[in-house]
Protein backbone atom coordinates (compact mmCIF):
# COMPACT_ATOMS: atom_id res chain seq x y z
CA MET A 1 81.85 78.83 110.94
CA ALA A 2 82.93 78.70 106.73
CA ALA A 3 85.48 76.03 105.59
CA ALA A 4 89.09 77.75 104.90
CA ARG A 5 89.27 77.83 101.16
CA GLU A 6 91.79 75.52 99.03
CA PRO A 7 94.36 76.45 97.61
CA ALA A 8 94.29 77.20 93.76
CA PHE A 9 98.03 75.42 93.41
CA ARG A 10 99.89 72.74 95.81
CA ARG A 11 103.49 74.27 94.99
CA VAL A 12 104.52 76.94 92.64
CA ALA A 13 107.54 77.23 91.11
CA LEU A 14 109.13 80.25 90.71
CA LEU A 15 112.20 80.41 88.19
CA GLY A 16 113.36 84.29 89.08
CA VAL A 17 113.13 85.75 92.85
CA GLY A 18 114.00 89.18 91.93
CA LEU A 19 111.65 92.13 91.93
CA ILE A 20 108.98 90.63 90.15
CA GLY A 21 109.17 86.87 91.12
CA GLY A 22 110.52 88.27 94.59
CA SER A 23 106.93 89.65 94.77
CA VAL A 24 104.83 87.09 93.16
CA ALA A 25 105.83 84.66 95.53
CA ALA A 26 105.26 86.39 98.43
CA ALA A 27 101.41 87.99 97.23
CA ALA A 28 101.19 83.84 95.91
CA ARG A 29 101.95 82.77 99.86
CA ALA A 30 100.19 85.72 101.57
CA SER A 31 96.83 85.30 99.17
CA GLY A 32 96.63 81.61 100.25
CA CYS A 33 96.64 80.51 96.63
CA ALA A 34 99.35 78.06 96.92
CA ASP A 35 100.33 75.55 99.65
CA HIS A 36 104.10 75.61 98.75
CA VAL A 37 105.68 77.87 96.95
CA ALA A 38 109.41 77.15 95.71
CA GLY A 39 112.10 79.21 93.98
CA HIS A 40 115.37 79.30 92.18
CA ALA A 41 117.49 81.69 90.78
CA THR A 42 120.87 82.25 89.46
CA GLY A 43 123.17 83.91 91.77
CA ASP A 44 122.21 83.56 95.64
CA ASP A 45 118.38 85.43 95.08
CA ALA A 46 117.29 82.66 96.04
CA ALA A 47 118.77 81.50 99.10
CA GLN A 48 117.91 85.20 100.11
CA ALA A 49 114.44 85.20 99.29
CA LEU A 50 114.59 82.25 101.25
CA ALA A 51 115.87 84.55 104.02
CA LEU A 52 113.45 87.12 103.42
CA GLY A 53 110.64 85.14 103.94
CA LEU A 54 109.49 85.39 100.14
CA ILE A 55 109.66 81.45 99.44
CA ASP A 56 109.13 78.18 100.72
CA SER A 57 111.90 76.70 100.00
CA ALA A 58 115.31 77.54 97.83
CA CYS A 59 116.11 75.10 95.07
CA ALA A 60 119.56 74.26 93.57
CA SER A 61 118.46 73.55 89.88
CA VAL A 62 115.37 74.18 87.31
CA ALA A 63 114.61 70.60 87.85
CA GLU A 64 114.17 70.56 91.79
CA ALA A 65 111.70 73.96 91.18
CA VAL A 66 109.63 72.24 88.94
CA ARG A 67 109.46 68.71 90.05
CA GLY A 68 105.68 68.47 91.59
CA ALA A 69 104.78 71.79 90.59
CA ASP A 70 101.19 72.16 89.49
CA LEU A 71 102.37 76.20 88.50
CA VAL A 72 105.54 77.85 87.22
CA VAL A 73 106.14 80.83 86.72
CA LEU A 74 109.50 82.51 84.84
CA ALA A 75 110.42 85.98 85.97
CA ALA A 76 113.73 86.02 84.98
CA PRO A 77 115.50 88.45 82.05
CA VAL A 78 113.87 88.15 79.01
CA PRO A 79 117.16 86.32 77.20
CA ALA A 80 117.50 83.89 79.73
CA LEU A 81 113.78 83.07 79.14
CA PRO A 82 114.83 80.34 75.53
CA GLY A 83 117.07 78.53 78.32
CA LEU A 84 114.40 78.43 81.16
CA PHE A 85 112.15 76.76 78.84
CA GLN A 86 114.54 73.96 77.45
CA ALA A 87 115.26 73.20 81.02
CA LEU A 88 112.15 73.15 82.32
CA ALA A 89 110.32 70.72 79.83
CA PRO A 90 112.01 67.79 80.60
CA HIS A 91 110.28 67.67 84.18
CA LEU A 92 107.13 69.26 84.26
CA ASP A 93 104.46 67.59 85.94
CA THR A 94 101.71 66.66 82.53
CA ALA A 95 99.15 69.03 84.18
CA ALA A 96 101.38 71.52 85.04
CA LEU A 97 100.17 75.33 84.31
CA ILE A 98 102.98 77.65 82.86
CA THR A 99 103.07 81.49 83.06
CA ASP A 100 105.41 84.20 82.84
CA CYS A 101 106.78 88.26 83.44
CA ALA A 102 107.88 88.87 80.78
CA SER A 103 107.88 92.42 79.10
CA THR A 104 108.32 91.23 75.76
CA LYS A 105 105.90 88.15 74.50
CA THR A 106 105.99 87.57 70.52
CA SER A 107 109.89 86.11 71.17
CA THR A 108 108.28 84.53 75.05
CA VAL A 109 105.62 82.69 72.82
CA ALA A 110 107.88 81.30 70.12
CA ALA A 111 110.64 80.36 72.78
CA ALA A 112 107.86 78.40 74.25
CA ARG A 113 106.77 76.54 71.46
CA GLU A 114 109.97 75.26 70.29
CA ALA A 115 110.84 73.92 73.88
CA LEU A 116 107.98 72.93 75.74
CA GLY A 117 106.24 70.23 73.13
CA PRO A 118 102.53 69.15 74.22
CA ALA A 119 102.78 71.24 77.09
CA PHE A 120 103.26 74.46 74.76
CA SER A 121 98.79 74.39 74.93
CA ARG A 122 99.62 74.77 78.81
CA PHE A 123 102.15 77.98 78.78
CA VAL A 124 99.96 81.01 79.09
CA PRO A 125 102.17 84.62 78.44
CA ALA A 126 101.50 87.05 81.07
CA HIS A 127 102.98 90.49 81.71
CA PRO A 128 102.48 92.10 85.10
CA ILE A 129 102.43 95.88 84.92
CA ALA A 130 104.64 96.56 88.47
CA GLY A 131 107.97 97.55 88.92
CA SER A 132 110.14 99.67 90.83
CA GLU A 133 113.27 101.53 90.03
CA ARG A 134 114.97 99.00 92.70
CA HIS A 135 115.59 95.27 92.39
CA GLY A 136 116.52 91.82 93.47
CA PRO A 137 114.66 89.70 96.74
CA ALA A 138 114.98 92.65 98.68
CA ALA A 139 112.90 95.27 96.45
CA ALA A 140 110.14 92.50 96.81
CA ARG A 141 106.64 93.27 97.92
CA ALA A 142 103.68 90.97 98.52
CA ASP A 143 101.27 94.03 97.81
CA LEU A 144 102.93 95.20 94.67
CA PHE A 145 100.32 93.34 92.69
CA GLN A 146 97.49 95.25 94.58
CA ARG A 147 95.41 97.13 92.17
CA ALA A 148 97.89 96.66 88.72
CA VAL A 149 96.87 95.40 85.30
CA ALA A 150 98.25 91.92 84.85
CA VAL A 151 98.29 91.47 80.43
CA VAL A 152 97.35 88.21 80.11
CA CYS A 153 98.29 86.92 76.06
CA PRO A 154 96.56 83.72 75.39
CA HIS A 155 97.99 81.98 72.38
CA ALA A 156 95.93 80.12 69.37
CA GLY A 157 97.10 76.87 71.23
CA ASN A 158 94.91 77.46 74.19
CA SER A 159 92.25 76.12 75.64
CA ALA A 160 89.73 78.07 77.81
CA ALA A 161 90.61 76.17 80.93
CA ALA A 162 94.36 77.13 81.31
CA VAL A 163 93.49 80.86 80.09
CA ALA A 164 90.83 81.02 83.15
CA SER A 165 93.40 79.42 85.75
CA ILE A 166 96.36 81.66 85.10
CA SER A 167 94.23 84.47 85.00
CA GLY A 168 92.60 83.22 87.99
CA PHE A 169 95.95 83.47 89.78
CA TRP A 170 97.19 87.06 88.70
CA ARG A 171 93.22 87.91 89.86
CA ALA A 172 94.48 85.86 93.36
CA ILE A 173 97.24 87.77 93.52
CA GLY A 174 95.33 91.04 93.24
CA ALA A 175 96.04 92.13 89.88
CA ARG A 176 92.96 93.25 87.07
CA VAL A 177 93.26 91.37 84.66
CA VAL A 178 93.15 92.23 80.82
CA GLU A 179 94.30 90.66 77.53
CA LEU A 180 95.90 90.97 74.44
CA ASP A 181 97.14 89.30 71.52
CA PRO A 182 101.08 88.45 72.02
CA ALA A 183 101.42 90.67 68.57
CA ARG A 184 99.27 93.57 70.04
CA HIS A 185 101.05 93.70 73.58
CA ASP A 186 104.36 93.97 72.08
CA ARG A 187 102.82 96.95 70.01
CA VAL A 188 101.31 99.02 72.65
CA PHE A 189 104.18 98.34 74.88
CA ALA A 190 106.90 100.09 72.66
CA GLU A 191 104.14 102.94 73.10
CA VAL A 192 103.31 103.39 76.75
CA SER A 193 106.50 102.18 78.17
CA HIS A 194 109.60 100.08 75.99
CA TRP A 195 110.15 103.48 73.60
CA PRO A 196 109.43 106.26 76.83
CA HIS A 197 112.21 104.30 78.53
CA ALA A 198 114.54 104.12 75.78
CA LEU A 199 113.48 107.97 75.52
CA VAL A 200 114.02 109.30 79.26
CA PHE A 201 117.78 107.34 79.27
CA ALA A 202 118.64 109.43 76.24
CA LEU A 203 117.37 112.87 77.85
CA CYS A 204 119.44 112.11 80.99
CA ALA A 205 122.26 111.15 79.03
CA ALA A 206 121.75 114.63 76.99
CA ILE A 207 121.83 116.41 80.05
CA ALA A 208 124.91 114.62 81.77
CA ARG A 209 126.66 115.11 78.92
CA GLY A 210 125.58 118.91 77.85
CA GLU A 211 126.92 122.16 79.13
CA CYS A 212 126.11 122.30 83.00
CA PRO A 213 125.22 119.04 84.00
CA ASP A 214 126.30 119.18 88.09
CA ASP A 215 124.11 123.17 87.87
CA ALA A 216 121.80 120.27 86.55
CA LEU A 217 121.61 118.23 89.18
CA ARG A 218 121.96 121.02 91.92
CA MET A 219 118.98 122.82 90.44
CA ALA A 220 116.58 120.24 88.66
CA GLY A 221 113.07 120.30 90.28
CA ALA A 222 110.06 117.82 90.95
CA GLY A 223 109.24 118.18 87.41
CA LEU A 224 112.82 116.55 85.63
CA ARG A 225 112.66 114.41 88.80
CA ASP A 226 109.48 112.98 87.16
CA THR A 227 109.85 113.12 84.33
CA THR A 228 113.27 111.15 84.79
CA ARG A 229 111.58 108.30 86.86
CA ILE A 230 112.52 105.41 85.15
CA GLY A 231 116.10 106.66 83.91
CA ALA A 232 117.32 104.84 87.59
CA SER A 233 116.32 101.94 85.79
CA SER A 234 118.80 98.34 85.37
CA PRO A 235 120.76 99.40 82.03
CA ALA A 236 121.09 96.22 81.03
CA LEU A 237 117.71 94.64 81.60
CA TRP A 238 116.58 97.65 79.35
CA ALA A 239 118.68 97.52 76.77
CA ASP A 240 117.45 93.67 76.49
CA ILE A 241 113.77 94.40 76.73
CA LEU A 242 114.65 97.05 73.60
CA LEU A 243 116.90 94.91 71.68
CA ASP A 244 113.87 92.08 72.03
CA ASN A 245 110.84 94.03 70.99
CA ARG A 246 113.51 96.38 68.65
CA GLU A 247 110.82 96.69 65.68
CA PRO A 248 107.44 97.56 67.55
CA VAL A 249 110.12 100.01 69.06
CA LEU A 250 112.12 101.86 66.13
CA ARG A 251 108.50 102.32 64.86
CA SER A 252 107.61 104.45 68.16
CA ALA A 253 110.81 105.69 67.69
CA ALA A 254 109.84 107.42 64.48
CA ALA A 255 107.05 108.53 65.16
CA PHE A 256 108.04 110.40 67.91
CA GLN A 257 110.77 111.86 65.69
CA THR A 258 108.17 113.26 63.26
CA GLU A 259 106.38 114.96 66.03
CA LEU A 260 109.44 116.48 67.23
CA GLU A 261 111.14 117.76 64.13
CA ALA A 262 107.49 119.11 64.01
CA LEU A 263 108.06 120.96 67.08
CA LEU A 264 111.35 122.22 66.39
CA ALA A 265 110.34 123.79 62.73
CA ASP A 266 107.42 125.56 64.92
CA LEU A 267 109.95 126.73 67.68
CA ARG A 268 112.81 128.16 64.51
CA ASP A 269 109.81 129.69 63.38
CA GLY A 270 108.95 131.17 66.17
CA ASN A 271 104.92 130.41 65.69
CA ARG A 272 103.46 130.32 68.99
CA ASP A 273 100.07 129.73 68.37
CA ALA A 274 100.95 125.98 66.09
CA LEU A 275 102.83 125.70 69.40
CA ILE A 276 99.77 125.88 71.28
CA ALA A 277 98.20 123.47 69.45
CA ARG A 278 100.66 121.04 69.69
CA PHE A 279 100.56 121.06 73.20
CA ASP A 280 97.43 121.20 73.55
CA ALA A 281 96.41 118.29 71.79
CA ALA A 282 99.04 116.36 73.48
CA SER A 283 97.90 118.24 76.79
CA ALA A 284 94.84 116.54 76.12
CA TRP A 285 95.60 112.44 75.87
CA ARG A 286 97.78 113.61 79.06
CA ARG A 287 95.14 114.07 81.17
CA ALA A 288 92.83 111.33 79.95
CA LEU A 289 95.10 109.56 80.90
CA GLY A 290 94.78 110.02 84.49
């Protein structure tokens, strides 16, 4: 009989155990890559995560969660990360690795550099591309990262061994790892996630404040539901992400505005051929997306 595989980590500390953090915790337990998963969060999320079986212990403080951990995962909202880095730094084991789940990376790396001191070399930024319009521990799933992409964003201070260990962790919980430079990450995700969320919120607001919002609710079909699905996401979460990645998002918005103005000009002019050509180019890109 084959010997049981040794867990990669003795103790994993999750700082934030909502949808993403709770799912990381559940996946780490289910995959067997951690002996013990400890969770800490504001409010009653940690107690709820414990009751749901997502974590092995609920900790009252960052220090309690981090002490003895060989991997710390930050899964809290972007504005909370600087304070968490400061709170965890004095309690880290000397070989502990740190990663995160934040949707923006440039500011996260800067906050870690300022707070972590020598441990900064052991912080390997990451961003799992998985989620839901739901939030909180009750929405967490052990299979959330299966076949999802986890973007690992090494910085110049990282060792190859630290990057390999963090990449191995994300693979162990089901994700497919790709690497991006932190600044490139923020530019790419302004295009494919951050600005699209802002755009969908604006579209929903325009319909809600338009001439026939009640009829729109009654008559809208699957097309509008699919288009606006992400508009049901957390407003506070997305306000923070957009503000944190403001300049790349504004660049994406400017490119969109240029396209929209050209489309409106074709529409005003009744230029059907130009509209078809514009739509054909856009449709080709969307088909390539799969």
